[in-house]
Protein backbone atom coordinates (compact mmCIF):
# COMPACT_ATOMS: atom_id res chain seq x y z
CA UNK A 1 0.00 0.00 0.00
CA UNK A 2 1.50 3.26 -1.06
CA UNK A 3 0.60 6.68 -2.37
CA UNK A 4 1.27 5.52 -5.94
CA UNK A 5 -2.20 4.02 -6.04
CA UNK A 6 -3.64 7.54 -6.11
CA UNK A 7 -1.51 8.35 -9.15
CA UNK A 8 -2.67 5.23 -11.01
CA UNK A 9 -6.32 5.94 -10.24
CA UNK A 10 -5.81 9.57 -11.36
CA UNK A 11 -4.43 8.31 -14.68
CA UNK A 12 -7.47 6.02 -15.05
CA UNK A 13 -9.83 8.91 -14.26
CA UNK A 14 -8.10 11.18 -16.78
CA UNK A 15 -8.30 8.41 -19.39
CA UNK A 16 -12.02 7.96 -18.70
CA UNK A 17 -12.54 11.72 -18.95
CA UNK A 18 -10.63 11.87 -22.23
CA UNK A 19 -12.64 8.99 -23.60
CA UNK A 20 -15.86 10.69 -22.60
CA UNK A 21 -14.73 13.98 -24.12
CA UNK A 22 -14.20 12.41 -27.55
CA UNK A 23 -17.08 9.89 -27.39
CA UNK A 24 -19.80 12.41 -26.58
CA UNK A 25 -22.27 12.60 -29.46
CA UNK A 26 -22.71 15.89 -31.25
CA UNK A 27 -25.87 17.78 -30.46
CA UNK A 28 -27.39 20.57 -28.39
CA UNK A 29 -26.58 18.81 -25.09
CA UNK A 30 -22.94 18.00 -25.86
CA UNK A 31 -21.54 20.60 -23.49
CA UNK A 32 -23.91 19.54 -20.70
CA UNK A 33 -22.97 15.87 -21.07
CA UNK A 34 -19.23 16.63 -21.14
CA UNK A 35 -19.42 18.98 -18.16
CA UNK A 36 -21.54 16.61 -16.08
CA UNK A 37 -19.33 13.62 -16.79
CA UNK A 38 -16.06 15.41 -16.11
CA UNK A 39 -17.42 17.01 -12.93
CA UNK A 40 -18.67 13.62 -11.72
CA UNK A 41 -15.31 11.95 -12.41
CA UNK A 42 -13.45 14.77 -10.67
CA UNK A 43 -15.64 14.74 -7.57
CA UNK A 44 -15.53 10.95 -7.27
CA UNK A 45 -11.75 10.89 -7.64
CA UNK A 46 -11.19 13.67 -5.08
CA UNK A 47 -13.50 12.02 -2.54
CA UNK A 48 -11.86 8.63 -3.05
CA UNK A 49 -8.34 10.11 -2.79
CA UNK A 50 -9.13 11.96 0.44
CA UNK A 51 -10.59 8.85 2.08
CA UNK A 52 -7.79 6.60 0.82
CA UNK A 53 -4.99 8.91 1.92
CA UNK A 54 -6.64 9.56 5.29
CA UNK A 55 -6.59 5.82 5.95
CA UNK A 56 -3.08 5.43 4.57
CA UNK A 57 -1.58 8.13 6.80
CA UNK A 58 -3.88 8.86 9.77
CA UNK A 59 -3.34 12.16 11.59
CA UNK A 60 -4.18 10.64 14.99
CA UNK A 61 -2.74 7.32 16.07
CA UNK A 62 -5.59 4.92 16.91
CA UNK A 63 -5.64 3.60 20.48
CA UNK A 64 -7.50 0.65 21.93
CA UNK A 65 -9.69 1.39 24.91
CA UNK A 66 -10.06 -2.24 26.01
CA UNK A 67 -6.37 -2.71 26.88
CA UNK A 68 -5.36 -2.53 30.55
CA UNK A 69 -2.09 -0.85 31.41
CA UNK A 70 0.34 -2.53 33.80
CA UNK A 71 0.80 0.70 35.79
CA UNK A 72 -2.60 0.48 37.44
């Protein structure tokens, strides 16, 4: 598990966005379809990356509350 996974998923998201950009059919709703798809891909990637990186490098070290210390 490393931070490189986020780079690979970013490359996949950019490839999907590029494919959508060129595969969108011509018509009056072309801009709407492109914008919606790219915005959806961007939001999904950013949410996934934040959750993945937060689990990969937590800011607070987890502690178990059911463990007894020997000091007591």
